[in-house]
Every structure is written in structure tokens, then in C-alpha cells.
C-alpha atoms as a PDB file:
ATOM      1  CA  MET A   1     121.478 125.674  71.632  1.00  0.00           C
ATOM      2  CA  ARG A   2     122.018 122.505  73.686  1.00  0.00           C
ATOM      3  CA  PRO A   3     121.285 119.264  71.790  1.00  0.00           C
ATOM      4  CA  ALA A   4     118.291 117.281  73.000  1.00  0.00           C
ATOM      5  CA  PRO A   5     119.151 114.654  75.635  1.00  0.00           C
ATOM      6  CA  THR A   6     119.650 111.117  74.362  1.00  0.00           C
ATOM      7  CA  PRO A   7     117.619 108.449  76.193  1.00  0.00           C
ATOM      8  CA  GLY A   8     119.527 105.279  76.970  1.00  0.00           C
ATOM      9  CA  THR A   9     121.711 103.459  79.469  1.00  0.00           C
ATOM     10  CA  TYR A  10     125.090 104.668  80.666  1.00  0.00           C
ATOM     11  CA  PRO A  11     127.714 103.106  83.004  1.00  0.00           C
ATOM     12  CA  VAL A  12     128.272 105.120  86.201  1.00  0.00           C
ATOM     13  CA  ARG A  13     130.176 104.531  89.419  1.00  0.00           C
ATOM     14  CA  PHE A  14     127.378 102.863  91.355  1.00  0.00           C
ATOM     15  CA  GLY A  15     125.841 100.802  88.544  1.00  0.00           C
ATOM     16  CA  THR A  16     124.050 101.494  85.283  1.00  0.00           C
ATOM     17  CA  ALA A  17     122.174 104.744  84.824  1.00  0.00           C
ATOM     18  CA  GLU A  18     119.148 105.018  82.580  1.00  0.00           C
ATOM     19  CA  LEU A  19     117.912 108.288  81.137  1.00  0.00           C
ATOM     20  CA  LEU A  20     114.206 108.250  80.274  1.00  0.00           C
ATOM     21  CA  ARG A  21     111.973 110.887  78.717  1.00  0.00           C
ATOM     22  CA  ASP A  22     108.821 111.748  80.682  1.00  0.00           C
ATOM     23  CA  ALA A  23     105.858 110.664  78.571  1.00  0.00           C
ATOM     24  CA  ASP A  24     103.693 113.529  79.867  1.00  0.00           C
ATOM     25  CA  ARG A  25     106.142 116.454  79.594  1.00  0.00           C
ATOM     26  CA  SER A  26     108.054 117.235  76.415  1.00  0.00           C
ATOM     27  CA  ASN A  27     111.307 118.248  78.093  1.00  0.00           C
ATOM     28  CA  ALA A  28     111.237 116.392  81.407  1.00  0.00           C
ATOM     29  CA  TRP A  29     113.588 113.532  82.200  1.00  0.00           C
ATOM     30  CA  MET A  30     114.046 110.733  84.724  1.00  0.00           C
ATOM     31  CA  ILE A  31     117.362 109.242  85.780  1.00  0.00           C
ATOM     32  CA  SER A  32     117.576 105.882  87.529  1.00  0.00           C
ATOM     33  CA  VAL A  33     120.585 103.843  88.629  1.00  0.00           C
ATOM     34  CA  ASP A  34     120.166 100.067  88.603  1.00  0.00           C
ATOM     35  CA  GLY A  35     116.404 100.571  88.467  1.00  0.00           C
ATOM     36  CA  VAL A  36     116.265 102.903  91.478  1.00  0.00           C
ATOM     37  CA  ALA A  37     114.795 106.311  90.602  1.00  0.00           C
ATOM     38  CA  GLN A  38     117.346 109.057  91.359  1.00  0.00           C
ATOM     39  CA  SER A  39     116.020 112.292  89.870  1.00  0.00           C
ATOM     40  CA  HIS A  40     113.268 113.821  87.786  1.00  0.00           C
ATOM     41  CA  VAL A  41     113.876 117.205  86.162  1.00  0.00           C
ATOM     42  CA  ASN A  42     111.747 119.366  83.906  1.00  0.00           C
ATOM     43  CA  LEU A  43     114.226 121.424  81.883  1.00  0.00           C
ATOM     44  CA  ASP A  44     111.464 123.833  80.837  1.00  0.00           C
ATOM     45  CA  ASP A  45     110.167 124.343  84.385  1.00  0.00           C
ATOM     46  CA  PRO A  46     112.602 123.658  87.250  1.00  0.00           C
ATOM     47  CA  ALA A  47     109.817 124.414  89.754  1.00  0.00           C
ATOM     48  CA  ASP A  48     107.913 121.335  88.511  1.00  0.00           C
ATOM     49  CA  LEU A  49     108.708 118.694  91.139  1.00  0.00           C
ATOM     50  CA  GLU A  50     107.552 115.163  90.386  1.00  0.00           C
ATOM     51  CA  PHE A  51     108.804 113.241  93.419  1.00  0.00           C
ATOM     52  CA  ASP A  52     106.733 113.717  96.554  1.00  0.00           C
ATOM     53  CA  TYR A  53     109.673 113.784  98.972  1.00  0.00           C
ATOM     54  CA  ILE A  54     111.416 116.411  96.838  1.00  0.00           C
ATOM     55  CA  ARG A  55     108.262 118.539  97.096  1.00  0.00           C
ATOM     56  CA  ARG A  56     108.437 118.154 100.885  1.00  0.00           C
ATOM     57  CA  ILE A  57     112.060 119.344 100.956  1.00  0.00           C
ATOM     58  CA  ALA A  58     111.072 122.251  98.720  1.00  0.00           C
ATOM     59  CA  ASP A  59     108.269 123.086 101.177  1.00  0.00           C
ATOM     60  CA  VAL A  60     110.880 123.482 103.912  1.00  0.00           C
ATOM     61  CA  VAL A  61     112.985 125.695 101.656  1.00  0.00           C
ATOM     62  CA  ASP A  62     109.957 127.799 100.706  1.00  0.00           C
ATOM     63  CA  CYS A  63     109.120 128.407 104.373  1.00  0.00           C
ATOM     64  CA  LEU A  64     112.545 129.796 105.304  1.00  0.00           C
ATOM     65  CA  GLY A  65     111.694 133.393 104.519  1.00  0.00           C
ATOM     66  CA  GLU A  66     112.521 135.385 101.421  1.00  0.00           C
ATOM     67  CA  GLY A  67     115.763 136.064  99.606  1.00  0.00           C
ATOM     68  CA  PRO A  68     118.803 134.135  98.411  1.00  0.00           C
ATOM     69  CA  LEU A  69     120.380 131.370 100.458  1.00  0.00           C
ATOM     70  CA  ASP A  70     123.845 129.879 100.840  1.00  0.00           C
ATOM     71  CA  VAL A  71     123.212 126.156 100.381  1.00  0.00           C
ATOM     72  CA  LEU A  72     125.277 122.977 100.619  1.00  0.00           C
ATOM     73  CA  HIS A  73     123.858 119.838  98.994  1.00  0.00           C
ATOM     74  CA  VAL A  74     125.164 116.368  99.824  1.00  0.00           C
ATOM     75  CA  GLY A  75     123.959 114.239  96.920  1.00  0.00           C
ATOM     76  CA  GLY A  76     122.999 115.742  93.616  1.00  0.00           C
ATOM     77  CA  ALA A  77     122.176 113.298  90.798  1.00  0.00           C
ATOM     78  CA  ALA A  78     120.344 115.501  88.245  1.00  0.00           C
ATOM     79  CA  CYS A  79     120.301 118.426  90.733  1.00  0.00           C
ATOM     80  CA  THR A  80     116.527 118.817  90.938  1.00  0.00           C
ATOM     81  CA  LEU A  81     116.650 120.826  94.173  1.00  0.00           C
ATOM     82  CA  PRO A  82     119.567 123.081  93.193  1.00  0.00           C
ATOM     83  CA  ARG A  83     117.708 123.908  89.956  1.00  0.00           C
ATOM     84  CA  TYR A  84     114.565 124.641  91.986  1.00  0.00           C
ATOM     85  CA  ILE A  85     116.388 126.948  94.394  1.00  0.00           C
ATOM     86  CA  THR A  86     118.098 128.765  91.511  1.00  0.00           C
ATOM     87  CA  ALA A  87     114.675 129.367  89.934  1.00  0.00           C
ATOM     88  CA  THR A  88     112.816 130.360  93.090  1.00  0.00           C
ATOM     89  CA  ARG A  89     115.595 132.192  94.959  1.00  0.00           C
ATOM     90  CA  PRO A  90     117.771 134.053  92.454  1.00  0.00           C
ATOM     91  CA  ARG A  91     121.328 134.909  93.550  1.00  0.00           C
ATOM     92  CA  SER A  92     121.485 131.952  95.928  1.00  0.00           C
ATOM     93  CA  ARG A  93     124.970 130.472  96.228  1.00  0.00           C
ATOM     94  CA  GLN A  94     124.965 126.688  96.065  1.00  0.00           C
ATOM     95  CA  LEU A  95     127.560 123.929  96.170  1.00  0.00           C
ATOM     96  CA  VAL A  96     126.677 120.316  95.399  1.00  0.00           C
ATOM     97  CA  PHE A  97     128.778 117.330  96.481  1.00  0.00           C
ATOM     98  CA  ASP A  98     128.212 114.038  94.666  1.00  0.00           C
ATOM     99  CA  ALA A  99     130.390 110.936  94.913  1.00  0.00           C
ATOM    100  CA  ASP A 100     129.481 109.547  91.481  1.00  0.00           C
ATOM    101  CA  GLY A 101     131.693 111.368  89.012  1.00  0.00           C
ATOM    102  CA  GLU A 102     130.386 109.433  86.027  1.00  0.00           C
ATOM    103  CA  LEU A 103     126.799 110.322  86.914  1.00  0.00           C
ATOM    104  CA  VAL A 104     127.727 113.987  87.292  1.00  0.00           C
ATOM    105  CA  ALA A 105     129.386 113.889  83.864  1.00  0.00           C
ATOM    106  CA  LEU A 106     126.289 112.261  82.360  1.00  0.00           C
ATOM    107  CA  VAL A 107     123.991 114.908  83.834  1.00  0.00           C
ATOM    108  CA  ARG A 108     126.297 117.709  82.709  1.00  0.00           C
ATOM    109  CA  GLU A 109     126.406 116.356  79.155  1.00  0.00           C
ATOM    110  CA  GLN A 110     122.754 115.367  78.745  1.00  0.00           C
ATOM    111  CA  LEU A 111     120.786 117.723  81.019  1.00  0.00           C
ATOM    112  CA  GLY A 112     123.185 120.590  81.609  1.00  0.00           C
ATOM    113  CA  LEU A 113     124.388 122.094  84.874  1.00  0.00           C
ATOM    114  CA  LYS A 114     124.721 125.716  83.812  1.00  0.00           C
ATOM    115  CA  GLY A 115     125.045 128.034  86.765  1.00  0.00           C
ATOM    116  CA  LEU A 116     125.420 125.206  89.289  1.00  0.00           C
ATOM    117  CA  LYS A 117     128.653 124.361  91.088  1.00  0.00           C
ATOM    118  CA  VAL A 118     128.974 120.577  91.436  1.00  0.00           C
ATOM    119  CA  ARG A 119     132.017 119.014  93.059  1.00  0.00           C
ATOM    120  CA  VAL A 120     132.754 115.301  92.712  1.00  0.00           C
ATOM    121  CA  GLY A 121     133.749 113.758  96.021  1.00  0.00           C
ATOM    122  CA  ASP A 122     132.650 112.470  99.398  1.00  0.00           C
ATOM    123  CA  GLY A 123     129.900 114.668 100.788  1.00  0.00           C
ATOM    124  CA  ARG A 124     130.907 114.244 104.400  1.00  0.00           C
ATOM    125  CA  GLU A 125     134.468 115.280 103.647  1.00  0.00           C
ATOM    126  CA  GLY A 126     133.140 118.196 101.616  1.00  0.00           C
ATOM    127  CA  VAL A 127     131.016 119.484 104.493  1.00  0.00           C
ATOM    128  CA  SER A 128     133.904 119.085 106.948  1.00  0.00           C
ATOM    129  CA  ALA A 129     136.082 121.295 104.729  1.00  0.00           C
ATOM    130  CA  ARG A 130     133.644 124.237 104.818  1.00  0.00           C
ATOM    131  CA  TYR A 131     134.077 127.280 107.047  1.00  0.00           C
ATOM    132  CA  ASP A 132     132.190 127.730 110.306  1.00  0.00           C
ATOM    133  CA  ALA A 133     128.791 129.461 109.995  1.00  0.00           C
ATOM    134  CA  SER A 134     129.029 129.639 106.191  1.00  0.00           C
ATOM    135  CA  ALA A 135     125.678 128.122 105.138  1.00  0.00           C
ATOM    136  CA  ASP A 136     122.019 128.947 105.618  1.00  0.00           C
ATOM    137  CA  LEU A 137     120.870 125.510 104.543  1.00  0.00           C
ATOM    138  CA  VAL A 138     122.370 122.024 104.301  1.00  0.00           C
ATOM    139  CA  ILE A 139     120.407 119.413 102.356  1.00  0.00           C
ATOM    140  CA  VAL A 140     121.355 115.730 102.507  1.00  0.00           C
ATOM    141  CA  ASP A 141     119.806 113.424  99.922  1.00  0.00           C
ATOM    142  CA  ALA A 142     122.551 110.939  99.127  1.00  0.00           C
ATOM    143  CA  PHE A 143     121.632 107.331  98.463  1.00  0.00           C
ATOM    144  CA  GLU A 144     123.662 104.484  97.017  1.00  0.00           C
ATOM    145  CA  ARG A 145     121.569 101.604  95.699  1.00  0.00           C
ATOM    146  CA  GLY A 146     118.620 102.748  97.795  1.00  0.00           C
ATOM    147  CA  VAL A 147     120.627 103.064 101.041  1.00  0.00           C
ATOM    148  CA  LEU A 148     121.698 106.323 102.699  1.00  0.00           C
ATOM    149  CA  ALA A 149     125.366 106.886 101.911  1.00  0.00           C
ATOM    150  CA  GLY A 150     127.695 105.875 104.731  1.00  0.00           C
ATOM    151  CA  GLY A 151     128.525 108.162 107.623  1.00  0.00           C
ATOM    152  CA  LEU A 152     125.692 110.643 107.057  1.00  0.00           C
ATOM    153  CA  ALA A 153     123.517 109.612 109.991  1.00  0.00           C
ATOM    154  CA  THR A 154     125.981 109.918 112.866  1.00  0.00           C
ATOM    155  CA  VAL A 155     126.526 112.346 115.722  1.00  0.00           C
ATOM    156  CA  GLU A 156     129.927 113.266 114.344  1.00  0.00           C
ATOM    157  CA  PHE A 157     128.572 114.276 110.933  1.00  0.00           C
ATOM    158  CA  THR A 158     125.624 116.082 112.538  1.00  0.00           C
ATOM    159  CA  ASN A 159     128.097 118.107 114.606  1.00  0.00           C
ATOM    160  CA  GLU A 160     129.872 119.118 111.394  1.00  0.00           C
ATOM    161  CA  VAL A 161     126.599 120.214 109.810  1.00  0.00           C
ATOM    162  CA  ALA A 162     125.792 122.280 112.917  1.00  0.00           C
ATOM    163  CA  ARG A 163     129.245 123.882 112.772  1.00  0.00           C
ATOM    164  CA  VAL A 164     128.858 124.861 109.123  1.00  0.00           C
ATOM    165  CA  LEU A 165     125.342 126.274 109.546  1.00  0.00           C
ATOM    166  CA  ARG A 166     124.732 129.831 110.667  1.00  0.00           C
ATOM    167  CA  PRO A 167     122.912 130.200 114.020  1.00  0.00           C
ATOM    168  CA  ALA A 168     119.482 130.337 112.346  1.00  0.00           C
ATOM    169  CA  GLY A 169     120.372 127.829 109.649  1.00  0.00           C
ATOM    170  CA  THR A 170     118.409 124.715 108.745  1.00  0.00           C
ATOM    171  CA  TYR A 171     119.457 121.124 108.123  1.00  0.00           C
ATOM    172  CA  VAL A 172     117.169 119.010 105.928  1.00  0.00           C
ATOM    173  CA  ALA A 173     117.707 115.308 105.296  1.00  0.00           C
ATOM    174  CA  ASN A 174     115.869 112.680 103.303  1.00  0.00           C
ATOM    175  CA  VAL A 175     115.909 109.252 104.940  1.00  0.00           C
ATOM    176  CA  SER A 176     113.889 106.108 104.389  1.00  0.00           C
ATOM    177  CA  ASP A 177     112.505 103.500 106.755  1.00  0.00           C
ATOM    178  CA  GLY A 178     109.906 100.782 107.144  1.00  0.00           C
ATOM    179  CA  PRO A 179     107.656  99.234 109.806  1.00  0.00           C
ATOM    180  CA  ASN A 180     108.095 100.671 113.310  1.00  0.00           C
ATOM    181  CA  LEU A 181     110.605 103.210 111.930  1.00  0.00           C
ATOM    182  CA  PRO A 182     113.637 101.978 113.916  1.00  0.00           C
ATOM    183  CA  PHE A 183     116.198 103.847 111.789  1.00  0.00           C
ATOM    184  CA  LEU A 184     114.195 107.090 111.844  1.00  0.00           C
ATOM    185  CA  ARG A 185     113.911 107.005 115.636  1.00  0.00           C
ATOM    186  CA  ARG A 186     117.661 106.753 116.024  1.00  0.00           C
ATOM    187  CA  PHE A 187     118.257 109.409 113.364  1.00  0.00           C
ATOM    188  CA  LEU A 188     116.011 111.796 115.301  1.00  0.00           C
ATOM    189  CA  ALA A 189     117.971 111.070 118.475  1.00  0.00           C
ATOM    190  CA  THR A 190     121.169 111.774 116.555  1.00  0.00           C
ATOM    191  CA  LEU A 191     119.955 115.146 115.265  1.00  0.00           C
ATOM    192  CA  ALA A 192     118.720 116.107 118.732  1.00  0.00           C
ATOM    193  CA  THR A 193     122.313 116.057 120.014  1.00  0.00           C
ATOM    194  CA  SER A 194     123.006 119.238 118.002  1.00  0.00           C
ATOM    195  CA  PHE A 195     119.616 120.753 117.207  1.00  0.00           C
ATOM    196  CA  PRO A 196     116.849 121.511 119.741  1.00  0.00           C
ATOM    197  CA  HIS A 197     114.141 121.953 117.104  1.00  0.00           C
ATOM    198  CA  LEU A 198     113.090 119.076 114.840  1.00  0.00           C
ATOM    199  CA  ALA A 199     110.197 118.367 112.485  1.00  0.00           C
ATOM    200  CA  LEU A 200     109.473 115.667 109.945  1.00  0.00           C
ATOM    201  CA  LEU A 201     107.255 115.252 106.902  1.00  0.00           C
ATOM    202  CA  ALA A 202     106.016 111.922 105.576  1.00  0.00           C
ATOM    203  CA  GLU A 203     103.006 110.197 104.121  1.00  0.00           C
ATOM    204  CA  PRO A 204     100.637 108.894 106.813  1.00  0.00           C
ATOM    205  CA  GLY A 205     101.071 105.297 105.657  1.00  0.00           C
ATOM    206  CA  VAL A 206     104.829 105.491 106.203  1.00  0.00           C
ATOM    207  CA  LEU A 207     104.428 107.058 109.662  1.00  0.00           C
ATOM    208  CA  ARG A 208     101.952 104.354 110.666  1.00  0.00           C
ATOM    209  CA  GLY A 209     104.422 101.682 109.637  1.00  0.00           C
ATOM    210  CA  ARG A 210     102.228 100.349 106.860  1.00  0.00           C
ATOM    211  CA  ARG A 211     104.839 100.683 104.159  1.00  0.00           C
ATOM    212  CA  PHE A 212     108.443 101.573 103.441  1.00  0.00           C
ATOM    213  CA  GLY A 213     109.054 105.119 102.263  1.00  0.00           C
ATOM    214  CA  ASN A 214     110.820 108.465 102.467  1.00  0.00           C
ATOM    215  CA  ILE A 215     110.790 110.751 105.485  1.00  0.00           C
ATOM    216  CA  VAL A 216     112.042 114.334 105.259  1.00  0.00           C
ATOM    217  CA  VAL A 217     113.521 115.620 108.523  1.00  0.00           C
ATOM    218  CA  ALA A 218     114.302 119.271 109.280  1.00  0.00           C
ATOM    219  CA  ALA A 219     116.467 120.463 112.177  1.00  0.00           C
ATOM    220  CA  SER A 220     117.513 123.867 113.460  1.00  0.00           C
ATOM    221  CA  ARG A 221     118.720 125.777 116.509  1.00  0.00           C
ATOM    222  CA  VAL A 222     115.728 128.094 116.090  1.00  0.00           C
ATOM    223  CA  GLU A 223     112.050 127.292 115.829  1.00  0.00           C
ATOM    224  CA  LEU A 224     110.968 125.734 112.551  1.00  0.00           C
ATOM    225  CA  PRO A 225     107.951 126.975 110.531  1.00  0.00           C
ATOM    226  CA  VAL A 226     105.826 124.046 111.686  1.00  0.00           C
ATOM    227  CA  GLU A 227     102.428 125.686 111.076  1.00  0.00           C
ATOM    228  CA  ASP A 228     103.296 126.589 107.492  1.00  0.00           C
ATOM    229  CA  LEU A 229     104.763 123.136 106.859  1.00  0.00           C
ATOM    230  CA  THR A 230     101.666 121.474 108.304  1.00  0.00           C
ATOM    231  CA  ARG A 231      99.435 123.514 106.012  1.00  0.00           C
ATOM    232  CA  ARG A 232     101.487 122.788 102.928  1.00  0.00           C
ATOM    233  CA  ALA A 233     101.737 119.077 103.668  1.00  0.00           C
ATOM    234  CA  ALA A 234      98.008 118.702 104.273  1.00  0.00           C
ATOM    235  CA  SER A 235      97.032 120.521 101.074  1.00  0.00           C
ATOM    236  CA  SER A 236      99.508 118.746  98.816  1.00  0.00           C
ATOM    237  CA  ALA A 237      98.433 116.612  95.867  1.00  0.00           C
ATOM    238  CA  TYR A 238      99.977 113.765  97.883  1.00  0.00           C
ATOM    239  CA  PRO A 239      99.033 114.708 101.458  1.00  0.00           C
ATOM    240  CA  ALA A 240     101.639 114.261 104.159  1.00  0.00           C
ATOM    241  CA  ARG A 241     101.812 114.756 107.897  1.00  0.00           C
ATOM    242  CA  CYS A 242     104.071 117.153 109.731  1.00  0.00           C
ATOM    243  CA  VAL A 243     105.221 115.850 113.118  1.00  0.00           C
ATOM    244  CA  ALA A 244     107.000 118.106 115.617  1.00  0.00           C
ATOM    245  CA  ALA A 245     107.279 119.026 119.303  1.00  0.00           C
ATOM    246  CA  GLU A 246     105.890 116.480 121.763  1.00  0.00           C
ATOM    247  CA  ASP A 247     104.544 114.162 119.063  1.00  0.00           C
ATOM    248  CA  LEU A 248     107.997 113.899 117.571  1.00  0.00           C
ATOM    249  CA  ARG A 249     109.605 113.324 120.965  1.00  0.00           C
ATOM    250  CA  GLN A 250     107.172 110.480 121.580  1.00  0.00           C
ATOM    251  CA  LEU A 251     108.054 109.007 118.195  1.00  0.00           C
ATOM    252  CA  GLN A 252     111.755 109.238 119.024  1.00  0.00           C
ATOM    253  CA  GLY A 253     111.150 107.570 122.371  1.00  0.00           C
ATOM    254  CA  LYS A 254     114.274 106.212 124.062  1.00  0.00           C
ATOM    255  CA  ALA A 255     116.199 105.682 120.842  1.00  0.00           C
ATOM    256  CA  ARG A 256     119.950 106.168 121.102  1.00  0.00           C
ATOM    257  CA  PRO A 257     122.005 108.442 118.835  1.00  0.00           C
ATOM    258  CA  VAL A 258     124.186 106.798 116.204  1.00  0.00           C
ATOM    259  CA  SER A 259     127.955 107.285 116.388  1.00  0.00           C
ATOM    260  CA  ASP A 260     130.738 106.685 113.891  1.00  0.00           C
ATOM    261  CA  ALA A 261     131.834 103.711 115.972  1.00  0.00           C
ATOM    262  CA  GLU A 262     128.521 102.015 115.240  1.00  0.00           C
ATOM    263  CA  ALA A 263     127.956 103.319 111.708  1.00  0.00           C
ATOM    264  CA  LEU A 264     124.391 102.031 111.580  1.00  0.00           C
ATOM    265  CA  PRO A 265     123.325 101.699 107.930  1.00  0.00           C
ATOM    266  CA  SER A 266     119.882 102.773 106.790  1.00  0.00           C
ATOM    267  CA  PRO A 267     117.563  99.862 105.924  1.00  0.00           C
ATOM    268  CA  VAL A 268     117.654  98.287 102.479  1.00  0.00           C
ATOM    269  CA  PRO A 269     114.348  99.070 100.744  1.00  0.00           C
ATOM    270  CA  PRO A 270     112.125  96.220  99.584  1.00  0.00           C
ATOM    271  CA  LYS A 271     112.500  95.407  95.920  1.00  0.00           C
ATOM    272  CA  ASP A 272     110.909  97.930  93.528  1.00  0.00           C
ATOM    273  CA  VAL A 273     109.877 100.394  96.287  1.00  0.00           C
ATOM    274  CA  PHE A 274     111.974 103.164  94.737  1.00  0.00           C
ATOM    275  CA  GLY A 275     111.868 101.853  91.208  1.00  0.00           C
ATOM    276  CA  ILE A 276     110.690 103.564  88.053  1.00  0.00           C
ATOM    277  CA  PHE A 277     106.920 103.966  88.001  1.00  0.00           C
END
């Protein structure tokens, strides 16, 4: 039997990680790095998703039809989503890339990674090394100190994701933005260079520019399950909006795609926006 996790602080590549027990669940845990919440996992119930944006990504996964999936994850931390997919879609094959080797070691030791394949290294390089048409789903949720890891919001990386995905595959990314959503608009333009079908999920306050927050974006060469996503988002404990088709094109406006030559970083979040609550 695995020993109980030990709450405390631990040095990792990108700062100091803190492992905290959830006060409301006996075997649920939160990991933060330098005060920025990274992951929440319930070891007794991997389908219990605490973070709202993680629930939105899971909604996309749930709407992709039945059966196992071949999944690439860029960014892992405590592997909340890989654990969820393992629980809800048995026999799925998953590979997680995470650049923070010390954090991966901490998670492996304290929270376990049984049955999950996690590779330490640069996620972009990891995706580029995969075979053509080898994945059903690529999920990008890779932040360093609250900022999207470098090189993951460019046309060149998007082309690599499109190459690795099967024709009906889906790309899902978590990004963050603030008033007027300038980074999101350009990210949408970037995805549109490879994928004709886009949809996003976010809290209404974030979409109206009232506050900084997460936006989950899905992209595919085939039509996305927009009606199902809209229903799920509206009925959630933390209601969100699903934006697609003409509404999304209007949001994107005349924004230009981002290239490697520009390497536009995602915005730095205001202090405490993604902190422990």
C-alpha cells in the first residue's frame, strides 16, 4: 500500500512546489508552484475535477464519442486529466510531456503515476517527434509561473499538432487572457491556419473582458460537438459560454496569427489570480 502523501514544500525546476491536503476531501490534494495553483487531484475519485477549466477540457473529451483514445498531453503537473481519461476511457493510450523533472518526481513519489507514461522534456519537441496521424487528441496545458510555456502558441507548433492528429482528431488548449482578449484573438487566428473548426469555453466574465481568466479552445478538421458543449457549459456548477462559428469569427476579428519569429508570450496574470483559494 502506498504511504500517505506528505504535505509540505519541495524545490522544483520552476520554483517551490507546495503540496496541500484538501480540507473537504480526505484523499484529495493540491499542488502549487510559487503560489500558483497547478493541479488538484482526488486519489479516491479521479473523475472529481475541482478546477473549472479542467472540467471544461473534460467536457470536450467527454463529447468525442465513446471508446479509448490515443492522447498526447503537453504539461502534466499532477496529471489530473490523464487520470480522468484513464478512469473514464479504459484502454486509452496516453503520453504526457512535462518540462519540470523535479515536479514529475514529486508527483510520482507523493501522488503516484501508476499506469501513466510521463516523459520529462520539452513538450513542443516531444510532439514534433511523434508519428504522423498517431493521436486522436492533443491537450496543451503547460504554464510556467502563470504564463503559457514558450513556443506553444505559434503557427509552426500548430502545424505540428495538426500533423500528429488523425483526420478527425481534436486539439484542446488552455490559455489565459484579460481585458479585450488580445492574446486569445491572435491564438484563434493561429489555430485557424490549420483547423477550420474552432470553439471556445470560458466564463462569461472573462469573455466580456471583466476579469483575467482561463479560456479552453478546441480545434479540429471536422465539426466539433458544439451543441453538446453548449449544454454542458450552461448547466455546469460554474456556468460557462461556448462560442463557435460566426460568433467566434467576430471575436477573432482581424487578428494576425503568431509565428515563431514573433514568439508572442501569453499575458502575465495579475497577482493572486491563479493562486491557492
